[in-house]
Amino acid sequence: MELVMDKLASQPMTEFTEFFAPPCSKRKVISVFLAILELYKMGAILLRQDENFGVLWLIKPKEAAADAF
């Protein structure tokens, strides 16, 4: 979760795929995805996908709860 929050601190709107550089393991993709889901559930990030199977965007809310993480 710290990886995601650090990335969003420097870039408030980030594409999901920006967390992965080849070669990337399935384990890393799954663990980052689960961290993203948890952060969304806590209200620390917003998610946006404009179309089915489209790009998944992670967005840092303007008033993100500082203690959510």
C-alpha atoms as a PDB file:
ATOM      1  CA  MET A   1       0.000   0.000   0.000  1.00  0.00           C
ATOM      2  CA  GLU A   2       2.925   2.296   0.668  1.00  0.00           C
ATOM      3  CA  LEU A   3       4.118   1.883  -2.937  1.00  0.00           C
ATOM      4  CA  VAL A   4       0.728   3.054  -4.244  1.00  0.00           C
ATOM      5  CA  MET A   5       0.472   6.014  -1.869  1.00  0.00           C
ATOM      6  CA  ASP A   6       4.036   7.141  -2.611  1.00  0.00           C
ATOM      7  CA  LYS A   7       3.328   7.086  -6.344  1.00  0.00           C
ATOM      8  CA  LEU A   8       0.098   9.060  -5.891  1.00  0.00           C
ATOM      9  CA  ALA A   9       1.859  11.624  -3.712  1.00  0.00           C
ATOM     10  CA  SER A  10       4.092  12.585  -6.637  1.00  0.00           C
ATOM     11  CA  GLN A  11       1.539  11.961  -9.400  1.00  0.00           C
ATOM     12  CA  PRO A  12      -2.110  12.414  -8.254  1.00  0.00           C
ATOM     13  CA  MET A  13      -3.545  10.478 -11.223  1.00  0.00           C
ATOM     14  CA  THR A  14      -1.706   7.290 -12.113  1.00  0.00           C
ATOM     15  CA  GLU A  15      -2.393   4.442 -14.503  1.00  0.00           C
ATOM     16  CA  PHE A  16      -2.504   0.954 -12.938  1.00  0.00           C
ATOM     17  CA  THR A  17       0.146  -0.369 -15.343  1.00  0.00           C
ATOM     18  CA  GLU A  18       2.679   2.250 -14.201  1.00  0.00           C
ATOM     19  CA  PHE A  19       3.422   0.099 -11.148  1.00  0.00           C
ATOM     20  CA  PHE A  20       4.934  -2.666 -13.255  1.00  0.00           C
ATOM     21  CA  ALA A  21       8.100  -2.833 -15.310  1.00  0.00           C
ATOM     22  CA  PRO A  22       8.949  -5.969 -17.276  1.00  0.00           C
ATOM     23  CA  PRO A  23       9.697  -8.584 -16.169  1.00  0.00           C
ATOM     24  CA  CYS A  24       6.894  -8.551 -13.657  1.00  0.00           C
ATOM     25  CA  SER A  25       5.572 -11.511 -11.719  1.00  0.00           C
ATOM     26  CA  LYS A  26       1.926 -12.445 -11.298  1.00  0.00           C
ATOM     27  CA  ARG A  27       2.492 -12.244  -7.558  1.00  0.00           C
ATOM     28  CA  LYS A  28       3.421  -8.549  -7.761  1.00  0.00           C
ATOM     29  CA  VAL A  29       0.410  -7.719  -9.969  1.00  0.00           C
ATOM     30  CA  ILE A  30      -1.946  -9.496  -7.577  1.00  0.00           C
ATOM     31  CA  SER A  31      -0.442  -7.963  -4.436  1.00  0.00           C
ATOM     32  CA  VAL A  32      -0.556  -4.417  -5.864  1.00  0.00           C
ATOM     33  CA  PHE A  33      -4.131  -4.964  -7.070  1.00  0.00           C
ATOM     34  CA  LEU A  34      -5.205  -6.152  -3.609  1.00  0.00           C
ATOM     35  CA  ALA A  35      -3.494  -3.148  -2.024  1.00  0.00           C
ATOM     36  CA  ILE A  36      -5.395  -0.869  -4.427  1.00  0.00           C
ATOM     37  CA  LEU A  37      -8.701  -2.494  -3.512  1.00  0.00           C
ATOM     38  CA  GLU A  38      -7.973  -2.047   0.194  1.00  0.00           C
ATOM     39  CA  LEU A  39      -7.012   1.601  -0.255  1.00  0.00           C
ATOM     40  CA  TYR A  40     -10.226   2.176  -2.227  1.00  0.00           C
ATOM     41  CA  LYS A  41     -12.262   0.522   0.519  1.00  0.00           C
ATOM     42  CA  MET A  42     -10.609   2.800   3.104  1.00  0.00           C
ATOM     43  CA  GLY A  43     -11.376   5.869   0.988  1.00  0.00           C
ATOM     44  CA  ALA A  44      -7.695   6.731   0.481  1.00  0.00           C
ATOM     45  CA  ILE A  45      -7.922   6.563  -3.336  1.00  0.00           C
ATOM     46  CA  LEU A  46     -10.492   6.757  -6.107  1.00  0.00           C
ATOM     47  CA  LEU A  47     -10.663   4.423  -9.091  1.00  0.00           C
ATOM     48  CA  ARG A  48     -11.782   5.285 -12.606  1.00  0.00           C
ATOM     49  CA  GLN A  49     -12.270   3.161 -15.708  1.00  0.00           C
ATOM     50  CA  ASP A  50     -13.987   4.842 -18.657  1.00  0.00           C
ATOM     51  CA  GLU A  51     -14.850   1.688 -20.601  1.00  0.00           C
ATOM     52  CA  ASN A  52     -14.971  -2.064 -20.118  1.00  0.00           C
ATOM     53  CA  PHE A  53     -11.449  -3.521 -20.176  1.00  0.00           C
ATOM     54  CA  GLY A  54     -10.095   0.039 -20.436  1.00  0.00           C
ATOM     55  CA  VAL A  55      -7.323   1.731 -18.539  1.00  0.00           C
ATOM     56  CA  LEU A  56      -7.695   1.645 -14.756  1.00  0.00           C
ATOM     57  CA  TRP A  57      -6.794   5.019 -13.220  1.00  0.00           C
ATOM     58  CA  LEU A  58      -5.885   5.550  -9.575  1.00  0.00           C
ATOM     59  CA  ILE A  59      -6.713   9.020  -8.324  1.00  0.00           C
ATOM     60  CA  LYS A  60      -5.678  10.683  -5.103  1.00  0.00           C
ATOM     61  CA  PRO A  61      -8.761  12.481  -3.750  1.00  0.00           C
ATOM     62  CA  LYS A  62      -8.331  16.163  -2.953  1.00  0.00           C
ATOM     63  CA  GLU A  63      -9.406  15.497   0.627  1.00  0.00           C
ATOM     64  CA  ALA A  64      -7.962  12.031   1.180  1.00  0.00           C
ATOM     65  CA  ALA A  65      -8.037  10.993   4.791  1.00  0.00           C
ATOM     66  CA  ALA A  66      -4.480  11.434   5.996  1.00  0.00           C
ATOM     67  CA  ASP A  67      -4.896   8.704   8.585  1.00  0.00           C
ATOM     68  CA  ALA A  68      -6.540   6.223   6.167  1.00  0.00           C
ATOM     69  CA  PHE A  69      -3.144   4.657   5.582  1.00  0.00           C
END
